[in-house]
């Protein structure tokens, strides 16, 4: 484990179920801490992984590729599988994309997915107009153009709660990337995210693990189209969709964080008896699951 990762030992009957949490692009494991504590309070073993190139400088991030981020997630899942009987993967923003990637590759190891504020594309309402040209970024990277350029975070910074937003922005501007991540996303790193997103989207039909998809209706970074991509693409496993009414992108820390925790716990409890994770290297396709879909929009009354 790195110094920024953390492991919370479970207790009781849920201790043998492990949940690996994956942070977002330019983020840090610390952004998953509130959710981790909530899941751990319900007895689950929780491990927050650090992605390659993160928790350092912008140069560190620029040196990393999407394949290395995915390798970090693979290695983290293997590490957790050695401690528990069942592995669930959850992620925020790009972390959710990586969680889905693992589920497409490892149906025998990954028992379920928590996809929170999934970001295949930065198409939220606060994104500046020039981000519509982001499809050019892979070409710019090939040409070596724009290495030092960034998409800077803009108000409301993914957070609807004013007091919390001020605190997080202060941490970002203080330069401590281990606390709140970097204040912007480099162009070249966005290009890598686009490659990762393309890889995952064309493989969604391979997922056999139940998925909980949680997204804010007013997500300022990634619109609900990202969540609907999952509900439409995952056709051979049950999918639950929860749309939040009083949050922005950072749903793990924003106003409805307790609702997010409660729904994740309920989802995990509904998985039933623990399923062995199998060998960490097993990548064979699992037996085909029933094709029925369980998609519920639950923005109210939770």
C-alpha atoms as a PDB file:
ATOM      1  CA  UNK A   1       0.000   0.000   0.000  1.00  0.00           C
ATOM      2  CA  UNK A   2       1.101   3.559  -0.652  1.00  0.00           C
ATOM      3  CA  UNK A   3       1.078   6.190   2.072  1.00  0.00           C
ATOM      4  CA  UNK A   4      -2.117   7.700   0.605  1.00  0.00           C
ATOM      5  CA  UNK A   5      -4.079   4.457   0.395  1.00  0.00           C
ATOM      6  CA  UNK A   6      -6.034   3.178   3.358  1.00  0.00           C
ATOM      7  CA  UNK A   7      -7.625  -0.085   4.470  1.00  0.00           C
ATOM      8  CA  UNK A   8     -10.490  -0.299   6.968  1.00  0.00           C
ATOM      9  CA  UNK A   9     -10.983  -3.762   8.444  1.00  0.00           C
ATOM     10  CA  UNK A  10     -14.558  -4.976   8.480  1.00  0.00           C
ATOM     11  CA  UNK A  11     -16.499  -6.532  11.334  1.00  0.00           C
ATOM     12  CA  UNK A  12     -19.291  -9.028  11.801  1.00  0.00           C
ATOM     13  CA  UNK A  13     -20.956 -10.953   8.995  1.00  0.00           C
ATOM     14  CA  UNK A  14     -20.073  -8.341   6.348  1.00  0.00           C
ATOM     15  CA  UNK A  15     -16.334  -8.361   7.037  1.00  0.00           C
ATOM     16  CA  UNK A  16     -15.638 -10.978   4.357  1.00  0.00           C
ATOM     17  CA  UNK A  17     -17.036  -8.660   1.687  1.00  0.00           C
ATOM     18  CA  UNK A  18     -14.446  -6.150   0.550  1.00  0.00           C
ATOM     19  CA  UNK A  19     -15.165  -2.911  -1.275  1.00  0.00           C
ATOM     20  CA  UNK A  20     -12.385  -1.291  -3.271  1.00  0.00           C
ATOM     21  CA  UNK A  21     -12.950   2.419  -3.881  1.00  0.00           C
ATOM     22  CA  UNK A  22     -11.298   4.221  -6.805  1.00  0.00           C
ATOM     23  CA  UNK A  23     -10.864   7.994  -6.926  1.00  0.00           C
ATOM     24  CA  UNK A  24     -11.276  10.205  -9.977  1.00  0.00           C
ATOM     25  CA  UNK A  25      -8.927  11.835 -12.460  1.00  0.00           C
ATOM     26  CA  UNK A  26      -6.463  14.186 -10.709  1.00  0.00           C
ATOM     27  CA  UNK A  27      -8.062  13.124  -7.424  1.00  0.00           C
ATOM     28  CA  UNK A  28      -6.856  11.171  -4.398  1.00  0.00           C
ATOM     29  CA  UNK A  29      -8.019   8.305  -2.154  1.00  0.00           C
ATOM     30  CA  UNK A  30      -8.953  10.884   0.467  1.00  0.00           C
ATOM     31  CA  UNK A  31     -11.992  11.939  -1.591  1.00  0.00           C
ATOM     32  CA  UNK A  32     -13.445   8.479  -0.931  1.00  0.00           C
ATOM     33  CA  UNK A  33     -12.928   8.573   2.839  1.00  0.00           C
ATOM     34  CA  UNK A  34     -16.455   9.568   3.910  1.00  0.00           C
ATOM     35  CA  UNK A  35     -18.015   6.817   1.813  1.00  0.00           C
ATOM     36  CA  UNK A  36     -15.393   4.365   3.059  1.00  0.00           C
ATOM     37  CA  UNK A  37     -16.224   5.130   6.680  1.00  0.00           C
ATOM     38  CA  UNK A  38     -19.920   4.724   6.018  1.00  0.00           C
ATOM     39  CA  UNK A  39     -19.460   1.334   4.393  1.00  0.00           C
ATOM     40  CA  UNK A  40     -17.064   0.254   7.114  1.00  0.00           C
ATOM     41  CA  UNK A  41     -19.585   1.255   9.799  1.00  0.00           C
ATOM     42  CA  UNK A  42     -21.893  -1.321   8.198  1.00  0.00           C
ATOM     43  CA  UNK A  43     -19.183  -3.945   8.685  1.00  0.00           C
ATOM     44  CA  UNK A  44     -17.586  -4.049   5.233  1.00  0.00           C
ATOM     45  CA  UNK A  45     -13.850  -4.206   4.665  1.00  0.00           C
ATOM     46  CA  UNK A  46     -12.910  -1.154   2.590  1.00  0.00           C
ATOM     47  CA  UNK A  47      -9.758  -0.406   0.634  1.00  0.00           C
ATOM     48  CA  UNK A  48      -9.109   2.908  -1.153  1.00  0.00           C
ATOM     49  CA  UNK A  49      -6.572   2.523  -3.943  1.00  0.00           C
ATOM     50  CA  UNK A  50      -4.240   5.193  -5.359  1.00  0.00           C
ATOM     51  CA  UNK A  51      -3.963   5.395  -9.138  1.00  0.00           C
ATOM     52  CA  UNK A  52      -0.635   5.668 -10.929  1.00  0.00           C
ATOM     53  CA  UNK A  53       0.535   9.247 -11.440  1.00  0.00           C
ATOM     54  CA  UNK A  54      -1.793  10.696  -8.801  1.00  0.00           C
ATOM     55  CA  UNK A  55      -1.213  12.363  -5.425  1.00  0.00           C
ATOM     56  CA  UNK A  56       1.808  14.184  -6.805  1.00  0.00           C
ATOM     57  CA  UNK A  57       2.516  16.943  -9.291  1.00  0.00           C
ATOM     58  CA  UNK A  58       0.968  17.667 -12.661  1.00  0.00           C
ATOM     59  CA  UNK A  59       4.110  16.250 -14.268  1.00  0.00           C
ATOM     60  CA  UNK A  60       3.528  12.976 -12.416  1.00  0.00           C
ATOM     61  CA  UNK A  61       0.003  12.810 -13.795  1.00  0.00           C
ATOM     62  CA  UNK A  62       1.142  13.662 -17.319  1.00  0.00           C
ATOM     63  CA  UNK A  63       3.630  10.792 -17.249  1.00  0.00           C
ATOM     64  CA  UNK A  64       0.862   8.239 -16.601  1.00  0.00           C
ATOM     65  CA  UNK A  65      -1.396   6.562 -19.146  1.00  0.00           C
ATOM     66  CA  UNK A  66      -4.876   5.110 -18.877  1.00  0.00           C
ATOM     67  CA  UNK A  67      -3.474   1.593 -19.030  1.00  0.00           C
ATOM     68  CA  UNK A  68      -1.402   2.331 -15.924  1.00  0.00           C
ATOM     69  CA  UNK A  69      -4.471   3.631 -14.084  1.00  0.00           C
ATOM     70  CA  UNK A  70      -6.252   0.405 -14.953  1.00  0.00           C
ATOM     71  CA  UNK A  71      -3.235  -1.614 -13.815  1.00  0.00           C
ATOM     72  CA  UNK A  72      -3.421   0.166 -10.446  1.00  0.00           C
ATOM     73  CA  UNK A  73      -7.059  -0.883 -10.143  1.00  0.00           C
ATOM     74  CA  UNK A  74      -6.271  -4.468 -11.163  1.00  0.00           C
ATOM     75  CA  UNK A  75      -3.481  -4.724  -8.609  1.00  0.00           C
ATOM     76  CA  UNK A  76      -5.699  -3.211  -5.921  1.00  0.00           C
ATOM     77  CA  UNK A  77      -8.451  -5.737  -6.626  1.00  0.00           C
ATOM     78  CA  UNK A  78      -5.941  -8.587  -6.390  1.00  0.00           C
ATOM     79  CA  UNK A  79      -4.655  -7.213  -3.102  1.00  0.00           C
ATOM     80  CA  UNK A  80      -8.148  -6.984  -1.629  1.00  0.00           C
ATOM     81  CA  UNK A  81      -9.134 -10.419  -2.980  1.00  0.00           C
ATOM     82  CA  UNK A  82      -6.419 -11.922  -0.802  1.00  0.00           C
ATOM     83  CA  UNK A  83      -8.150 -10.567   2.309  1.00  0.00           C
ATOM     84  CA  UNK A  84     -11.846 -11.255   1.684  1.00  0.00           C
ATOM     85  CA  UNK A  85     -14.244 -13.754   0.101  1.00  0.00           C
ATOM     86  CA  UNK A  86     -16.001 -11.313  -2.205  1.00  0.00           C
ATOM     87  CA  UNK A  87     -14.783  -8.176  -4.010  1.00  0.00           C
ATOM     88  CA  UNK A  88     -16.984  -5.231  -4.923  1.00  0.00           C
ATOM     89  CA  UNK A  89     -15.490  -2.306  -6.847  1.00  0.00           C
ATOM     90  CA  UNK A  90     -16.748   1.242  -6.615  1.00  0.00           C
ATOM     91  CA  UNK A  91     -15.497   4.477  -8.074  1.00  0.00           C
ATOM     92  CA  UNK A  92     -16.193   8.170  -8.371  1.00  0.00           C
ATOM     93  CA  UNK A  93     -16.078   9.959 -11.740  1.00  0.00           C
ATOM     94  CA  UNK A  94     -13.227   8.372 -13.731  1.00  0.00           C
ATOM     95  CA  UNK A  95     -12.929   5.875 -10.871  1.00  0.00           C
ATOM     96  CA  UNK A  96     -16.363   4.565 -11.811  1.00  0.00           C
ATOM     97  CA  UNK A  97     -15.150   4.019 -15.378  1.00  0.00           C
ATOM     98  CA  UNK A  98     -12.234   2.000 -14.012  1.00  0.00           C
ATOM     99  CA  UNK A  99     -14.589  -0.008 -11.784  1.00  0.00           C
ATOM    100  CA  UNK A 100     -16.671  -0.874 -14.846  1.00  0.00           C
ATOM    101  CA  UNK A 101     -13.493  -1.804 -16.719  1.00  0.00           C
ATOM    102  CA  UNK A 102     -12.610  -4.351 -14.038  1.00  0.00           C
ATOM    103  CA  UNK A 103     -16.105  -5.809 -14.212  1.00  0.00           C
ATOM    104  CA  UNK A 104     -15.766  -6.306 -17.982  1.00  0.00           C
ATOM    105  CA  UNK A 105     -12.420  -8.075 -17.561  1.00  0.00           C
ATOM    106  CA  UNK A 106     -12.947 -10.086 -14.378  1.00  0.00           C
ATOM    107  CA  UNK A 107     -16.500 -11.435 -14.055  1.00  0.00           C
ATOM    108  CA  UNK A 108     -15.356 -14.166 -11.651  1.00  0.00           C
ATOM    109  CA  UNK A 109     -13.544 -11.789  -9.340  1.00  0.00           C
ATOM    110  CA  UNK A 110     -15.815  -8.733  -9.301  1.00  0.00           C
ATOM    111  CA  UNK A 111     -19.131  -9.418  -7.582  1.00  0.00           C
ATOM    112  CA  UNK A 112     -20.720  -5.990  -8.024  1.00  0.00           C
ATOM    113  CA  UNK A 113     -20.050  -2.411  -9.122  1.00  0.00           C
ATOM    114  CA  UNK A 114     -20.785   0.946  -7.473  1.00  0.00           C
ATOM    115  CA  UNK A 115     -20.665   3.524 -10.287  1.00  0.00           C
ATOM    116  CA  UNK A 116     -20.824   7.009  -8.759  1.00  0.00           C
ATOM    117  CA  UNK A 117     -20.920  10.150 -10.932  1.00  0.00           C
ATOM    118  CA  UNK A 118     -19.551   8.123 -13.819  1.00  0.00           C
ATOM    119  CA  UNK A 119     -17.617  10.305 -16.244  1.00  0.00           C
ATOM    120  CA  UNK A 120     -17.131   8.973 -19.739  1.00  0.00           C
ATOM    121  CA  UNK A 121     -17.328  12.527 -20.991  1.00  0.00           C
ATOM    122  CA  UNK A 122     -17.066  15.971 -19.379  1.00  0.00           C
ATOM    123  CA  UNK A 123     -20.409  17.322 -20.594  1.00  0.00           C
ATOM    124  CA  UNK A 124     -21.883  18.915 -17.461  1.00  0.00           C
ATOM    125  CA  UNK A 125     -23.512  22.335 -17.411  1.00  0.00           C
ATOM    126  CA  UNK A 126     -20.523  24.108 -15.835  1.00  0.00           C
ATOM    127  CA  UNK A 127     -18.008  22.936 -18.414  1.00  0.00           C
ATOM    128  CA  UNK A 128     -16.728  25.786 -20.638  1.00  0.00           C
ATOM    129  CA  UNK A 129     -17.757  25.825 -24.287  1.00  0.00           C
ATOM    130  CA  UNK A 130     -14.260  24.994 -25.519  1.00  0.00           C
ATOM    131  CA  UNK A 131     -14.478  21.542 -23.931  1.00  0.00           C
ATOM    132  CA  UNK A 132     -16.702  20.602 -26.875  1.00  0.00           C
ATOM    133  CA  UNK A 133     -13.468  20.430 -28.841  1.00  0.00           C
ATOM    134  CA  UNK A 134     -11.999  17.855 -26.473  1.00  0.00           C
ATOM    135  CA  UNK A 135     -12.290  15.205 -29.203  1.00  0.00           C
ATOM    136  CA  UNK A 136      -9.156  16.830 -30.655  1.00  0.00           C
ATOM    137  CA  UNK A 137      -7.063  16.145 -27.554  1.00  0.00           C
ATOM    138  CA  UNK A 138      -5.757  12.698 -28.579  1.00  0.00           C
ATOM    139  CA  UNK A 139      -4.442  14.240 -31.791  1.00  0.00           C
ATOM    140  CA  UNK A 140      -2.840  17.113 -29.881  1.00  0.00           C
ATOM    141  CA  UNK A 141      -1.082  14.623 -27.635  1.00  0.00           C
ATOM    142  CA  UNK A 142       0.271  12.695 -30.607  1.00  0.00           C
ATOM    143  CA  UNK A 143       1.564  15.984 -32.022  1.00  0.00           C
ATOM    144  CA  UNK A 144       3.085  16.996 -28.683  1.00  0.00           C
ATOM    145  CA  UNK A 145       0.861  20.081 -28.422  1.00  0.00           C
ATOM    146  CA  UNK A 146      -0.570  21.403 -25.159  1.00  0.00           C
ATOM    147  CA  UNK A 147       1.424  19.395 -22.640  1.00  0.00           C
ATOM    148  CA  UNK A 148       1.225  22.143 -20.012  1.00  0.00           C
ATOM    149  CA  UNK A 149      -2.360  23.141 -20.722  1.00  0.00           C
ATOM    150  CA  UNK A 150      -5.180  22.266 -18.334  1.00  0.00           C
ATOM    151  CA  UNK A 151      -8.918  22.385 -18.024  1.00  0.00           C
ATOM    152  CA  UNK A 152      -9.074  24.296 -14.753  1.00  0.00           C
ATOM    153  CA  UNK A 153     -11.767  23.546 -12.201  1.00  0.00           C
ATOM    154  CA  UNK A 154     -14.492  26.209 -12.247  1.00  0.00           C
ATOM    155  CA  UNK A 155     -17.247  27.090  -9.772  1.00  0.00           C
ATOM    156  CA  UNK A 156     -19.116  25.290  -8.341  1.00  0.00           C
ATOM    157  CA  UNK A 157     -16.260  22.744  -8.410  1.00  0.00           C
ATOM    158  CA  UNK A 158     -18.639  19.766  -8.283  1.00  0.00           C
ATOM    159  CA  UNK A 159     -19.996  20.724  -4.851  1.00  0.00           C
ATOM    160  CA  UNK A 160     -23.404  22.252  -4.125  1.00  0.00           C
ATOM    161  CA  UNK A 161     -22.836  22.825  -0.411  1.00  0.00           C
ATOM    162  CA  UNK A 162     -21.295  26.312  -0.076  1.00  0.00           C
ATOM    163  CA  UNK A 163     -19.329  25.775   3.134  1.00  0.00           C
ATOM    164  CA  UNK A 164     -17.903  22.458   2.007  1.00  0.00           C
ATOM    165  CA  UNK A 165     -17.000  23.926  -1.383  1.00  0.00           C
ATOM    166  CA  UNK A 166     -15.000  26.732   0.250  1.00  0.00           C
ATOM    167  CA  UNK A 167     -13.070  24.223   2.338  1.00  0.00           C
ATOM    168  CA  UNK A 168     -12.259  21.907  -0.562  1.00  0.00           C
ATOM    169  CA  UNK A 169     -11.239  24.777  -2.852  1.00  0.00           C
ATOM    170  CA  UNK A 170      -8.921  26.002  -0.126  1.00  0.00           C
ATOM    171  CA  UNK A 171      -7.266  22.594   0.031  1.00  0.00           C
ATOM    172  CA  UNK A 172      -6.852  22.453  -3.759  1.00  0.00           C
ATOM    173  CA  UNK A 173      -5.333  25.911  -3.901  1.00  0.00           C
ATOM    174  CA  UNK A 174      -3.006  25.066  -1.017  1.00  0.00           C
ATOM    175  CA  UNK A 175      -1.201  22.660  -3.343  1.00  0.00           C
ATOM    176  CA  UNK A 176      -1.736  19.471  -1.318  1.00  0.00           C
ATOM    177  CA  UNK A 177      -2.841  17.025  -4.010  1.00  0.00           C
ATOM    178  CA  UNK A 178      -3.181  14.214  -1.472  1.00  0.00           C
ATOM    179  CA  UNK A 179      -6.025  16.041   0.305  1.00  0.00           C
ATOM    180  CA  UNK A 180      -8.222  17.334  -2.514  1.00  0.00           C
ATOM    181  CA  UNK A 181      -6.426  16.498  -5.748  1.00  0.00           C
ATOM    182  CA  UNK A 182      -5.065  18.870  -8.363  1.00  0.00           C
ATOM    183  CA  UNK A 183      -6.973  22.078  -9.248  1.00  0.00           C
ATOM    184  CA  UNK A 184      -7.206  21.162 -12.937  1.00  0.00           C
ATOM    185  CA  UNK A 185      -7.099  18.318 -15.449  1.00  0.00           C
ATOM    186  CA  UNK A 186      -4.249  18.378 -17.994  1.00  0.00           C
ATOM    187  CA  UNK A 187      -5.287  18.174 -21.628  1.00  0.00           C
ATOM    188  CA  UNK A 188      -3.188  15.094 -22.178  1.00  0.00           C
ATOM    189  CA  UNK A 189      -4.758  13.329 -19.189  1.00  0.00           C
ATOM    190  CA  UNK A 190      -8.227  14.077 -20.553  1.00  0.00           C
ATOM    191  CA  UNK A 191      -7.072  12.454 -23.797  1.00  0.00           C
ATOM    192  CA  UNK A 192      -6.134   9.349 -21.807  1.00  0.00           C
ATOM    193  CA  UNK A 193      -9.562   9.353 -20.135  1.00  0.00           C
ATOM    194  CA  UNK A 194     -11.163   9.409 -23.580  1.00  0.00           C
ATOM    195  CA  UNK A 195      -9.225   6.286 -24.547  1.00  0.00           C
ATOM    196  CA  UNK A 196     -10.258   4.564 -21.313  1.00  0.00           C
ATOM    197  CA  UNK A 197     -13.891   5.550 -21.848  1.00  0.00           C
ATOM    198  CA  UNK A 198     -13.893   4.168 -25.384  1.00  0.00           C
ATOM    199  CA  UNK A 199     -12.388   0.904 -24.124  1.00  0.00           C
ATOM    200  CA  UNK A 200     -15.073   0.508 -21.456  1.00  0.00           C
ATOM    201  CA  UNK A 201     -18.096   1.634 -23.461  1.00  0.00           C
ATOM    202  CA  UNK A 202     -17.570  -0.926 -26.192  1.00  0.00           C
ATOM    203  CA  UNK A 203     -17.277  -3.665 -23.529  1.00  0.00           C
ATOM    204  CA  UNK A 204     -20.260  -2.849 -21.293  1.00  0.00           C
ATOM    205  CA  UNK A 205     -22.169  -5.798 -22.696  1.00  0.00           C
ATOM    206  CA  UNK A 206     -19.609  -8.147 -21.100  1.00  0.00           C
ATOM    207  CA  UNK A 207     -20.537  -7.126 -17.545  1.00  0.00           C
ATOM    208  CA  UNK A 208     -22.191  -9.886 -15.505  1.00  0.00           C
ATOM    209  CA  UNK A 209     -21.995  -8.175 -12.121  1.00  0.00           C
ATOM    210  CA  UNK A 210     -24.915  -6.226 -10.606  1.00  0.00           C
ATOM    211  CA  UNK A 211     -24.397  -2.480 -10.873  1.00  0.00           C
ATOM    212  CA  UNK A 212     -25.579   0.411  -8.718  1.00  0.00           C
ATOM    213  CA  UNK A 213     -25.413   3.662 -10.686  1.00  0.00           C
ATOM    214  CA  UNK A 214     -25.721   6.883  -8.667  1.00  0.00           C
ATOM    215  CA  UNK A 215     -25.693  10.283 -10.369  1.00  0.00           C
ATOM    216  CA  UNK A 216     -26.830  13.818  -9.606  1.00  0.00           C
ATOM    217  CA  UNK A 217     -29.542  15.165 -11.894  1.00  0.00           C
ATOM    218  CA  UNK A 218     -27.716  18.518 -11.903  1.00  0.00           C
ATOM    219  CA  UNK A 219     -24.172  17.144 -12.143  1.00  0.00           C
ATOM    220  CA  UNK A 220     -22.067  20.112 -13.228  1.00  0.00           C
ATOM    221  CA  UNK A 221     -19.179  18.014 -14.570  1.00  0.00           C
ATOM    222  CA  UNK A 222     -20.802  14.996 -16.224  1.00  0.00           C
ATOM    223  CA  UNK A 223     -24.436  14.979 -17.339  1.00  0.00           C
ATOM    224  CA  UNK A 224     -26.835  12.120 -16.616  1.00  0.00           C
ATOM    225  CA  UNK A 225     -26.153  10.885 -20.153  1.00  0.00           C
ATOM    226  CA  UNK A 226     -23.090   9.222 -18.636  1.00  0.00           C
ATOM    227  CA  UNK A 227     -25.245   7.233 -16.210  1.00  0.00           C
ATOM    228  CA  UNK A 228     -27.710   6.279 -18.945  1.00  0.00           C
ATOM    229  CA  UNK A 229     -24.825   4.943 -21.010  1.00  0.00           C
ATOM    230  CA  UNK A 230     -24.429   2.283 -18.320  1.00  0.00           C
ATOM    231  CA  UNK A 231     -28.114   1.426 -17.971  1.00  0.00           C
ATOM    232  CA  UNK A 232     -28.371   0.991 -21.741  1.00  0.00           C
ATOM    233  CA  UNK A 233     -25.039  -0.764 -22.240  1.00  0.00           C
ATOM    234  CA  UNK A 234     -25.134  -3.315 -19.420  1.00  0.00           C
ATOM    235  CA  UNK A 235     -27.633  -5.824 -20.773  1.00  0.00           C
ATOM    236  CA  UNK A 236     -26.696  -9.055 -19.004  1.00  0.00           C
ATOM    237  CA  UNK A 237     -26.728  -7.959 -15.358  1.00  0.00           C
ATOM    238  CA  UNK A 238     -29.200  -6.089 -13.144  1.00  0.00           C
ATOM    239  CA  UNK A 239     -28.678  -2.323 -12.977  1.00  0.00           C
ATOM    240  CA  UNK A 240     -30.122   0.027 -10.359  1.00  0.00           C
ATOM    241  CA  UNK A 241     -30.165   3.761 -11.056  1.00  0.00           C
ATOM    242  CA  UNK A 242     -30.451   6.418  -8.348  1.00  0.00           C
ATOM    243  CA  UNK A 243     -30.718  10.055  -9.432  1.00  0.00           C
ATOM    244  CA  UNK A 244     -30.017  12.637  -6.727  1.00  0.00           C
ATOM    245  CA  UNK A 245     -31.828  15.965  -6.518  1.00  0.00           C
ATOM    246  CA  UNK A 246     -29.629  18.061  -4.218  1.00  0.00           C
ATOM    247  CA  UNK A 247     -26.024  17.408  -5.211  1.00  0.00           C
ATOM    248  CA  UNK A 248     -23.502  18.184  -7.913  1.00  0.00           C
ATOM    249  CA  UNK A 249     -20.669  15.967  -9.142  1.00  0.00           C
ATOM    250  CA  UNK A 250     -18.904  15.110  -5.872  1.00  0.00           C
ATOM    251  CA  UNK A 251     -21.757  13.060  -4.466  1.00  0.00           C
ATOM    252  CA  UNK A 252     -19.533  11.237  -1.970  1.00  0.00           C
ATOM    253  CA  UNK A 253     -19.029  14.473   0.000  1.00  0.00           C
ATOM    254  CA  UNK A 254     -21.898  16.739  -1.056  1.00  0.00           C
ATOM    255  CA  UNK A 255     -25.295  17.342   0.576  1.00  0.00           C
ATOM    256  CA  UNK A 256     -26.692  13.871  -0.096  1.00  0.00           C
ATOM    257  CA  UNK A 257     -23.622  11.895   0.954  1.00  0.00           C
ATOM    258  CA  UNK A 258     -25.601  10.075   3.662  1.00  0.00           C
ATOM    259  CA  UNK A 259     -28.190   9.010   1.088  1.00  0.00           C
ATOM    260  CA  UNK A 260     -25.392   7.722  -1.135  1.00  0.00           C
ATOM    261  CA  UNK A 261     -23.928   5.708   1.727  1.00  0.00           C
ATOM    262  CA  UNK A 262     -27.315   4.295   2.719  1.00  0.00           C
ATOM    263  CA  UNK A 263     -28.147   3.232  -0.826  1.00  0.00           C
ATOM    264  CA  UNK A 264     -24.723   1.623  -1.304  1.00  0.00           C
ATOM    265  CA  UNK A 265     -25.125  -0.333   1.935  1.00  0.00           C
ATOM    266  CA  UNK A 266     -28.625  -1.473   0.953  1.00  0.00           C
ATOM    267  CA  UNK A 267     -27.325  -2.550  -2.446  1.00  0.00           C
ATOM    268  CA  UNK A 268     -24.489  -4.540  -0.882  1.00  0.00           C
ATOM    269  CA  UNK A 269     -26.824  -6.190   1.596  1.00  0.00           C
ATOM    270  CA  UNK A 270     -29.017  -7.259  -1.283  1.00  0.00           C
ATOM    271  CA  UNK A 271     -26.216  -9.205  -2.952  1.00  0.00           C
ATOM    272  CA  UNK A 272     -26.901 -12.247  -0.774  1.00  0.00           C
ATOM    273  CA  UNK A 273     -24.426 -14.873   0.321  1.00  0.00           C
ATOM    274  CA  UNK A 274     -20.787 -14.207  -0.446  1.00  0.00           C
ATOM    275  CA  UNK A 275     -19.535 -15.525  -3.766  1.00  0.00           C
ATOM    276  CA  UNK A 276     -15.900 -16.658  -3.844  1.00  0.00           C
ATOM    277  CA  UNK A 277     -13.703 -14.305  -5.829  1.00  0.00           C
ATOM    278  CA  UNK A 278     -11.838 -17.113  -7.575  1.00  0.00           C
ATOM    279  CA  UNK A 279      -8.233 -16.851  -8.721  1.00  0.00           C
ATOM    280  CA  UNK A 280      -7.117 -13.268  -9.124  1.00  0.00           C
ATOM    281  CA  UNK A 281      -5.859 -14.029 -12.612  1.00  0.00           C
ATOM    282  CA  UNK A 282      -9.081 -15.627 -13.836  1.00  0.00           C
ATOM    283  CA  UNK A 283     -10.353 -13.562 -16.737  1.00  0.00           C
ATOM    284  CA  UNK A 284     -12.671 -16.141 -18.281  1.00  0.00           C
ATOM    285  CA  UNK A 285     -16.255 -15.112 -18.888  1.00  0.00           C
ATOM    286  CA  UNK A 286     -18.700 -16.096 -16.182  1.00  0.00           C
ATOM    287  CA  UNK A 287     -21.822 -18.131 -17.008  1.00  0.00           C
ATOM    288  CA  UNK A 288     -24.380 -15.880 -18.658  1.00  0.00           C
ATOM    289  CA  UNK A 289     -26.635 -14.156 -16.157  1.00  0.00           C
ATOM    290  CA  UNK A 290     -30.364 -13.740 -16.720  1.00  0.00           C
ATOM    291  CA  UNK A 291     -30.979 -10.918 -19.157  1.00  0.00           C
ATOM    292  CA  UNK A 292     -33.674  -9.238 -17.091  1.00  0.00           C
ATOM    293  CA  UNK A 293     -32.938  -5.650 -16.141  1.00  0.00           C
ATOM    294  CA  UNK A 294     -33.773  -3.903 -12.902  1.00  0.00           C
ATOM    295  CA  UNK A 295     -33.450  -0.184 -13.609  1.00  0.00           C
ATOM    296  CA  UNK A 296     -35.094   2.100 -11.062  1.00  0.00           C
ATOM    297  CA  UNK A 297     -35.033   5.876 -11.021  1.00  0.00           C
ATOM    298  CA  UNK A 298     -35.177   6.779  -7.358  1.00  0.00           C
ATOM    299  CA  UNK A 299     -34.554  10.467  -7.076  1.00  0.00           C
ATOM    300  CA  UNK A 300     -37.353  11.021  -4.566  1.00  0.00           C
ATOM    301  CA  UNK A 301     -38.298   9.492  -1.275  1.00  0.00           C
ATOM    302  CA  UNK A 302     -34.947   7.989  -0.290  1.00  0.00           C
END
